[in-house]
Amino acid sequence: GKGGGRGGGDNELNGVEKGDLTALPPQKLRDMCAARGIQVAGGAQRATCATALIAWRDNQEPGGGGGQRTPYHWTSAEHRRYMQAVLMYGWSDHVRIAEHVGSRSRQQVCSHNTSFKKKLDKAAAAAAAATPGQPLS
């Protein structure tokens, strides 16, 4: 029956790589995403859908995918929803932010917070260095 092995019992995605998925027709990929509750734009490219499916699968696995992480960049739509949620709930409510984004786990939101704050700090430092002697406020 269904449900054996790693990958949360999703036999369709067990052992599949991104390249295997990008070979599928775009509508099949969008249907696979929809069946798993993964929100992707209607005209999403195959690579975007494939990446979302792999990340979803790896997030279902006990231990986060056997120690090997799939590099997966946030889409602009995900980041937009993330920023909306940060404005509504604040930086530290990772659970509600993840629920608002819809395609990311609490752990992924926490990691994105760290990366994004570092990026903001770097941009602020660059702006301060570009205008010496000028107060930031």
N, C-alpha and C. Protein backbone atom coordinates (compact mmCIF):
# COMPACT_ATOMS: atom_id res chain seq x y z
N GLY A 1 0.81 -1.20 0.00
CA GLY A 1 0.00 0.00 0.00
C GLY A 1 0.84 1.25 0.00
N LYS A 2 0.17 2.38 0.06
CA LYS A 2 0.85 3.68 0.08
C LYS A 2 1.35 3.98 1.47
N GLY A 3 2.39 4.82 1.56
CA GLY A 3 2.82 5.34 2.85
C GLY A 3 4.14 4.82 3.33
N GLY A 4 4.80 3.93 2.62
CA GLY A 4 6.07 3.39 3.10
C GLY A 4 7.23 4.29 2.76
N GLY A 5 8.32 4.13 3.50
CA GLY A 5 9.56 4.83 3.18
C GLY A 5 9.55 6.28 3.58
N ARG A 6 10.59 6.99 3.14
CA ARG A 6 10.73 8.39 3.47
C ARG A 6 9.90 9.23 2.52
N GLY A 7 9.73 10.49 2.86
CA GLY A 7 9.02 11.40 1.97
C GLY A 7 7.57 11.53 2.32
N GLY A 8 7.21 11.22 3.56
CA GLY A 8 5.85 11.43 4.00
C GLY A 8 4.83 10.57 3.28
N GLY A 9 5.28 9.43 2.71
CA GLY A 9 4.35 8.54 2.05
C GLY A 9 3.96 9.00 0.65
N ASP A 10 4.64 9.97 0.08
CA ASP A 10 4.32 10.48 -1.24
C ASP A 10 5.17 9.73 -2.27
N ASN A 11 4.68 8.57 -2.70
CA ASN A 11 5.46 7.71 -3.59
C ASN A 11 5.78 8.39 -4.92
N GLU A 12 4.94 9.30 -5.36
CA GLU A 12 5.15 9.97 -6.64
C GLU A 12 6.42 10.82 -6.63
N LEU A 13 6.85 11.28 -5.44
CA LEU A 13 8.02 12.15 -5.36
C LEU A 13 9.25 11.46 -4.75
N ASN A 14 9.10 10.25 -4.23
CA ASN A 14 10.25 9.56 -3.61
C ASN A 14 11.36 9.34 -4.63
N GLY A 15 12.56 9.78 -4.31
CA GLY A 15 13.72 9.55 -5.15
C GLY A 15 13.77 10.38 -6.42
N VAL A 16 12.84 11.29 -6.59
CA VAL A 16 12.77 12.11 -7.80
C VAL A 16 13.67 13.33 -7.63
N GLU A 17 14.37 13.71 -8.69
CA GLU A 17 15.21 14.90 -8.69
C GLU A 17 14.51 16.00 -9.49
N LYS A 18 14.99 17.24 -9.30
CA LYS A 18 14.39 18.38 -9.98
C LYS A 18 14.37 18.18 -11.50
N GLY A 19 15.45 17.65 -12.05
CA GLY A 19 15.53 17.44 -13.50
C GLY A 19 14.45 16.49 -14.01
N ASP A 20 14.11 15.48 -13.18
CA ASP A 20 13.04 14.55 -13.57
C ASP A 20 11.71 15.28 -13.67
N LEU A 21 11.48 16.20 -12.74
CA LEU A 21 10.21 16.92 -12.71
C LEU A 21 10.11 17.94 -13.83
N THR A 22 11.23 18.62 -14.14
CA THR A 22 11.16 19.66 -15.18
C THR A 22 10.90 19.06 -16.56
N ALA A 23 11.06 17.74 -16.69
CA ALA A 23 10.76 17.09 -17.97
C ALA A 23 9.26 16.88 -18.16
N LEU A 24 8.48 17.04 -17.09
CA LEU A 24 7.03 16.85 -17.16
C LEU A 24 6.35 18.08 -17.78
N PRO A 25 5.16 17.90 -18.32
CA PRO A 25 4.42 19.06 -18.86
C PRO A 25 4.08 20.05 -17.73
N PRO A 26 4.09 21.35 -18.02
CA PRO A 26 3.83 22.37 -17.00
C PRO A 26 2.51 22.16 -16.25
N GLN A 27 1.45 21.77 -16.97
CA GLN A 27 0.15 21.60 -16.30
C GLN A 27 0.20 20.44 -15.31
N LYS A 28 0.92 19.37 -15.65
CA LYS A 28 1.07 18.23 -14.74
C LYS A 28 1.77 18.70 -13.46
N LEU A 29 2.80 19.52 -13.60
CA LEU A 29 3.52 20.03 -12.42
C LEU A 29 2.62 20.91 -11.57
N ARG A 30 1.84 21.79 -12.21
CA ARG A 30 0.92 22.66 -11.45
C ARG A 30 -0.13 21.82 -10.72
N ASP A 31 -0.61 20.75 -11.38
CA ASP A 31 -1.58 19.85 -10.74
C ASP A 31 -0.95 19.13 -9.54
N MET A 32 0.29 18.71 -9.70
CA MET A 32 0.99 18.04 -8.59
C MET A 32 1.15 19.00 -7.41
N CYS A 33 1.48 20.25 -7.70
CA CYS A 33 1.59 21.26 -6.64
C CYS A 33 0.25 21.46 -5.96
N ALA A 34 -0.80 21.63 -6.74
CA ALA A 34 -2.13 21.88 -6.19
C ALA A 34 -2.58 20.73 -5.31
N ALA A 35 -2.28 19.50 -5.71
CA ALA A 35 -2.69 18.32 -4.94
C ALA A 35 -2.03 18.28 -3.56
N ARG A 36 -0.90 18.97 -3.42
CA ARG A 36 -0.17 18.98 -2.15
C ARG A 36 -0.35 20.30 -1.40
N GLY A 37 -1.21 21.16 -1.93
CA GLY A 37 -1.47 22.43 -1.26
C GLY A 37 -0.35 23.45 -1.46
N ILE A 38 0.49 23.25 -2.48
CA ILE A 38 1.58 24.17 -2.76
C ILE A 38 1.04 25.25 -3.69
N GLN A 39 1.15 26.50 -3.27
CA GLN A 39 0.63 27.60 -4.08
C GLN A 39 1.70 28.08 -5.04
N VAL A 40 1.41 27.98 -6.33
CA VAL A 40 2.30 28.53 -7.36
C VAL A 40 1.45 29.36 -8.30
N ALA A 41 2.07 30.36 -8.91
CA ALA A 41 1.36 31.23 -9.84
C ALA A 41 0.86 30.41 -11.03
N GLY A 42 -0.26 30.84 -11.60
CA GLY A 42 -0.85 30.12 -12.72
C GLY A 42 0.09 29.91 -13.88
N GLY A 43 0.94 30.88 -14.16
CA GLY A 43 1.88 30.76 -15.27
C GLY A 43 3.28 30.38 -14.83
N ALA A 44 3.39 29.75 -13.66
CA ALA A 44 4.72 29.43 -13.11
C ALA A 44 5.50 28.54 -14.06
N GLN A 45 6.79 28.79 -14.16
CA GLN A 45 7.67 27.99 -14.99
C GLN A 45 7.84 26.60 -14.40
N ARG A 46 8.24 25.66 -15.23
CA ARG A 46 8.45 24.29 -14.76
C ARG A 46 9.47 24.22 -13.64
N ALA A 47 10.56 24.98 -13.74
CA ALA A 47 11.60 24.93 -12.71
C ALA A 47 11.06 25.39 -11.36
N THR A 48 10.20 26.42 -11.37
CA THR A 48 9.61 26.93 -10.13
C THR A 48 8.74 25.86 -9.48
N CYS A 49 7.90 25.21 -10.27
CA CYS A 49 7.03 24.15 -9.74
C CYS A 49 7.86 22.97 -9.24
N ALA A 50 8.86 22.57 -10.02
CA ALA A 50 9.69 21.43 -9.64
C ALA A 50 10.43 21.71 -8.34
N THR A 51 10.98 22.92 -8.21
CA THR A 51 11.69 23.30 -6.99
C THR A 51 10.75 23.28 -5.80
N ALA A 52 9.54 23.79 -5.98
CA ALA A 52 8.56 23.81 -4.89
C ALA A 52 8.19 22.39 -4.47
N LEU A 53 8.03 21.49 -5.43
CA LEU A 53 7.69 20.10 -5.11
C LEU A 53 8.82 19.40 -4.34
N ILE A 54 10.05 19.61 -4.79
CA ILE A 54 11.20 18.99 -4.11
C ILE A 54 11.31 19.53 -2.68
N ALA A 55 11.17 20.84 -2.53
CA ALA A 55 11.25 21.44 -1.19
C ALA A 55 10.12 20.91 -0.30
N TRP A 56 8.93 20.78 -0.86
CA TRP A 56 7.80 20.24 -0.10
C TRP A 56 8.10 18.82 0.35
N ARG A 57 8.59 18.00 -0.58
CA ARG A 57 8.93 16.61 -0.26
C ARG A 57 9.96 16.55 0.84
N ASP A 58 11.03 17.33 0.70
CA ASP A 58 12.11 17.30 1.69
C ASP A 58 11.64 17.79 3.05
N ASN A 59 10.69 18.70 3.05
CA ASN A 59 10.14 19.21 4.31
C ASN A 59 9.25 18.17 4.99
N GLN A 60 8.73 17.20 4.23
CA GLN A 60 7.88 16.15 4.79
C GLN A 60 8.69 15.04 5.45
N GLU A 61 9.96 14.93 5.06
CA GLU A 61 10.78 13.82 5.53
C GLU A 61 11.24 14.02 6.95
N PRO A 62 11.24 12.94 7.75
CA PRO A 62 11.80 13.03 9.09
C PRO A 62 13.26 13.44 9.01
N GLY A 63 13.68 14.36 9.84
CA GLY A 63 15.07 14.79 9.85
C GLY A 63 15.41 15.74 8.74
N GLY A 64 14.43 16.24 8.00
CA GLY A 64 14.68 17.27 7.00
C GLY A 64 15.37 16.79 5.76
N GLY A 65 15.19 15.56 5.36
CA GLY A 65 15.72 15.13 4.07
C GLY A 65 17.02 14.38 4.16
N GLY A 66 17.28 13.74 5.28
CA GLY A 66 18.47 12.90 5.38
C GLY A 66 19.76 13.68 5.39
N GLY A 67 19.72 14.93 5.82
CA GLY A 67 20.94 15.71 5.95
C GLY A 67 21.34 16.45 4.70
N GLN A 68 20.70 16.20 3.58
CA GLN A 68 21.06 16.91 2.36
C GLN A 68 19.95 17.90 2.03
N ARG A 69 20.30 19.17 2.02
CA ARG A 69 19.29 20.21 1.77
C ARG A 69 19.25 20.54 0.30
N THR A 70 18.05 20.72 -0.19
CA THR A 70 17.87 21.16 -1.57
C THR A 70 17.93 22.68 -1.58
N PRO A 71 18.87 23.27 -2.35
CA PRO A 71 18.88 24.73 -2.42
C PRO A 71 17.57 25.21 -3.04
N TYR A 72 16.94 26.12 -2.38
CA TYR A 72 15.63 26.55 -2.84
C TYR A 72 15.45 28.01 -2.49
N HIS A 73 15.47 28.84 -3.51
CA HIS A 73 15.32 30.28 -3.30
C HIS A 73 13.85 30.64 -3.21
N TRP A 74 13.57 31.62 -2.38
CA TRP A 74 12.19 32.10 -2.25
C TRP A 74 11.79 32.82 -3.53
N THR A 75 10.58 32.56 -3.98
CA THR A 75 10.07 33.28 -5.15
C THR A 75 9.69 34.70 -4.74
N SER A 76 9.52 35.57 -5.71
CA SER A 76 9.13 36.95 -5.39
C SER A 76 7.74 36.96 -4.74
N ALA A 77 6.85 36.07 -5.18
CA ALA A 77 5.51 36.01 -4.58
C ALA A 77 5.59 35.56 -3.12
N GLU A 78 6.43 34.57 -2.83
CA GLU A 78 6.60 34.12 -1.44
C GLU A 78 7.18 35.24 -0.59
N HIS A 79 8.18 35.94 -1.13
CA HIS A 79 8.80 37.01 -0.36
C HIS A 79 7.81 38.15 -0.11
N ARG A 80 6.97 38.43 -1.10
CA ARG A 80 5.95 39.47 -0.93
C ARG A 80 4.98 39.08 0.21
N ARG A 81 4.54 37.81 0.21
CA ARG A 81 3.65 37.36 1.29
C ARG A 81 4.37 37.35 2.64
N TYR A 82 5.66 37.02 2.60
CA TYR A 82 6.48 37.06 3.82
C TYR A 82 6.52 38.48 4.39
N MET A 83 6.77 39.46 3.53
CA MET A 83 6.84 40.85 3.98
C MET A 83 5.48 41.32 4.51
N GLN A 84 4.40 40.94 3.87
CA GLN A 84 3.06 41.28 4.37
C GLN A 84 2.88 40.72 5.78
N ALA A 85 3.27 39.46 5.96
CA ALA A 85 3.11 38.81 7.26
C ALA A 85 3.99 39.45 8.33
N VAL A 86 5.21 39.83 7.97
CA VAL A 86 6.10 40.50 8.93
C VAL A 86 5.46 41.80 9.40
N LEU A 87 4.87 42.53 8.47
CA LEU A 87 4.20 43.79 8.83
C LEU A 87 2.99 43.54 9.73
N MET A 88 2.28 42.44 9.50
CA MET A 88 1.08 42.14 10.29
C MET A 88 1.41 41.54 11.66
N TYR A 89 2.39 40.62 11.69
CA TYR A 89 2.63 39.82 12.90
C TYR A 89 3.97 40.10 13.59
N GLY A 90 4.85 40.85 12.95
CA GLY A 90 6.18 41.09 13.52
C GLY A 90 7.16 40.01 13.09
N TRP A 91 8.45 40.29 13.31
CA TRP A 91 9.53 39.40 12.86
C TRP A 91 9.52 38.03 13.54
N SER A 92 9.07 37.98 14.79
CA SER A 92 9.30 36.76 15.58
C SER A 92 8.17 35.73 15.53
N ASP A 93 7.04 36.04 14.90
CA ASP A 93 5.93 35.08 14.87
C ASP A 93 6.07 34.18 13.64
N HIS A 94 7.03 33.27 13.70
CA HIS A 94 7.37 32.43 12.56
C HIS A 94 6.21 31.53 12.13
N VAL A 95 5.41 31.08 13.08
CA VAL A 95 4.30 30.19 12.75
C VAL A 95 3.26 30.93 11.90
N ARG A 96 2.85 32.11 12.33
CA ARG A 96 1.85 32.86 11.58
C ARG A 96 2.40 33.35 10.25
N ILE A 97 3.69 33.71 10.22
CA ILE A 97 4.30 34.11 8.94
C ILE A 97 4.27 32.93 7.97
N ALA A 98 4.66 31.74 8.45
CA ALA A 98 4.66 30.54 7.60
C ALA A 98 3.25 30.24 7.08
N GLU A 99 2.26 30.38 7.96
CA GLU A 99 0.87 30.15 7.53
C GLU A 99 0.46 31.15 6.46
N HIS A 100 0.89 32.40 6.60
CA HIS A 100 0.53 33.43 5.63
C HIS A 100 1.23 33.17 4.29
N VAL A 101 2.51 32.81 4.33
CA VAL A 101 3.24 32.52 3.09
C VAL A 101 2.61 31.32 2.40
N GLY A 102 2.28 30.29 3.18
CA GLY A 102 1.56 29.15 2.64
C GLY A 102 2.39 28.02 2.06
N SER A 103 3.62 28.29 1.66
CA SER A 103 4.44 27.26 1.04
C SER A 103 5.76 27.04 1.78
N ARG A 104 5.87 27.62 2.97
CA ARG A 104 7.11 27.53 3.76
C ARG A 104 6.83 27.09 5.18
N SER A 105 7.77 26.34 5.74
CA SER A 105 7.65 25.87 7.12
C SER A 105 8.12 26.96 8.09
N ARG A 106 7.83 26.75 9.35
CA ARG A 106 8.29 27.67 10.39
C ARG A 106 9.83 27.78 10.36
N GLN A 107 10.50 26.64 10.19
CA GLN A 107 11.96 26.65 10.16
C GLN A 107 12.49 27.44 8.96
N GLN A 108 11.83 27.30 7.82
CA GLN A 108 12.26 28.04 6.63
C GLN A 108 12.05 29.54 6.82
N VAL A 109 10.97 29.92 7.50
CA VAL A 109 10.73 31.34 7.79
C VAL A 109 11.80 31.87 8.72
N CYS A 110 12.15 31.09 9.74
CA CYS A 110 13.18 31.51 10.68
C CYS A 110 14.51 31.73 9.95
N SER A 111 14.86 30.81 9.07
CA SER A 111 16.09 30.93 8.30
C SER A 111 16.04 32.13 7.36
N HIS A 112 14.89 32.35 6.73
CA HIS A 112 14.73 33.48 5.82
C HIS A 112 14.85 34.80 6.59
N ASN A 113 14.29 34.84 7.81
CA ASN A 113 14.44 36.03 8.66
C ASN A 113 15.91 36.36 8.85
N THR A 114 16.69 35.36 9.22
CA THR A 114 18.12 35.56 9.48
C THR A 114 18.83 36.10 8.23
N SER A 115 18.58 35.45 7.10
CA SER A 115 19.22 35.87 5.85
C SER A 115 18.79 37.27 5.45
N PHE A 116 17.50 37.53 5.55
CA PHE A 116 16.97 38.82 5.12
C PHE A 116 17.47 39.95 6.02
N LYS A 117 17.53 39.72 7.33
CA LYS A 117 18.04 40.74 8.25
C LYS A 117 19.50 41.04 7.96
N LYS A 118 20.30 40.00 7.65
CA LYS A 118 21.71 40.22 7.29
C LYS A 118 21.80 41.08 6.04
N LYS A 119 20.94 40.81 5.07
CA LYS A 119 20.92 41.58 3.82
C LYS A 119 20.56 43.05 4.11
N LEU A 120 19.57 43.26 4.99
CA LEU A 120 19.19 44.62 5.36
C LEU A 120 20.32 45.35 6.08
N ASP A 121 20.99 44.65 7.01
CA ASP A 121 22.11 45.25 7.74
C ASP A 121 23.24 45.63 6.78
N LYS A 122 23.51 44.77 5.81
CA LYS A 122 24.57 45.04 4.84
C LYS A 122 24.22 46.26 3.99
N ALA A 123 22.95 46.36 3.57
CA ALA A 123 22.51 47.50 2.77
C ALA A 123 22.58 48.79 3.58
N ALA A 124 22.21 48.72 4.87
CA ALA A 124 22.27 49.91 5.72
C ALA A 124 23.72 50.36 5.92
N ALA A 125 24.62 49.41 6.10
CA ALA A 125 26.04 49.74 6.27
C ALA A 125 26.60 50.37 4.99
N ALA A 126 26.21 49.84 3.85
CA ALA A 126 26.67 50.40 2.57
C ALA A 126 26.14 51.81 2.37
N ALA A 127 24.88 52.04 2.75
CA ALA A 127 24.30 53.37 2.63
C ALA A 127 25.00 54.36 3.56
N ALA A 128 25.32 53.91 4.77
CA ALA A 128 26.01 54.77 5.72
C ALA A 128 27.41 55.12 5.23
N ALA A 129 28.08 54.13 4.63
CA ALA A 129 29.44 54.36 4.13
C ALA A 129 29.43 55.28 2.91
N ALA A 130 28.35 55.26 2.15
CA ALA A 130 28.26 56.08 0.94
C ALA A 130 28.00 57.54 1.26
N THR A 131 27.49 57.83 2.45
CA THR A 131 27.21 59.22 2.84
C THR A 131 27.87 59.52 4.18
N PRO A 132 29.21 59.63 4.19
CA PRO A 132 29.91 59.88 5.45
C PRO A 132 29.51 61.21 6.07
N GLY A 133 29.36 61.19 7.39
CA GLY A 133 29.03 62.40 8.11
C GLY A 133 27.56 62.74 8.15
N GLN A 134 26.75 61.97 7.44
CA GLN A 134 25.31 62.23 7.43
C GLN A 134 24.60 61.30 8.42
N PRO A 135 23.78 61.83 9.31
CA PRO A 135 23.03 60.94 10.20
C PRO A 135 22.03 60.11 9.42
N LEU A 136 21.79 58.87 9.88
CA LEU A 136 20.87 57.98 9.17
C LEU A 136 19.42 58.36 9.41
N SER A 137 19.11 59.04 10.51
CA SER A 137 17.70 59.32 10.79
C SER A 137 17.23 60.62 10.20
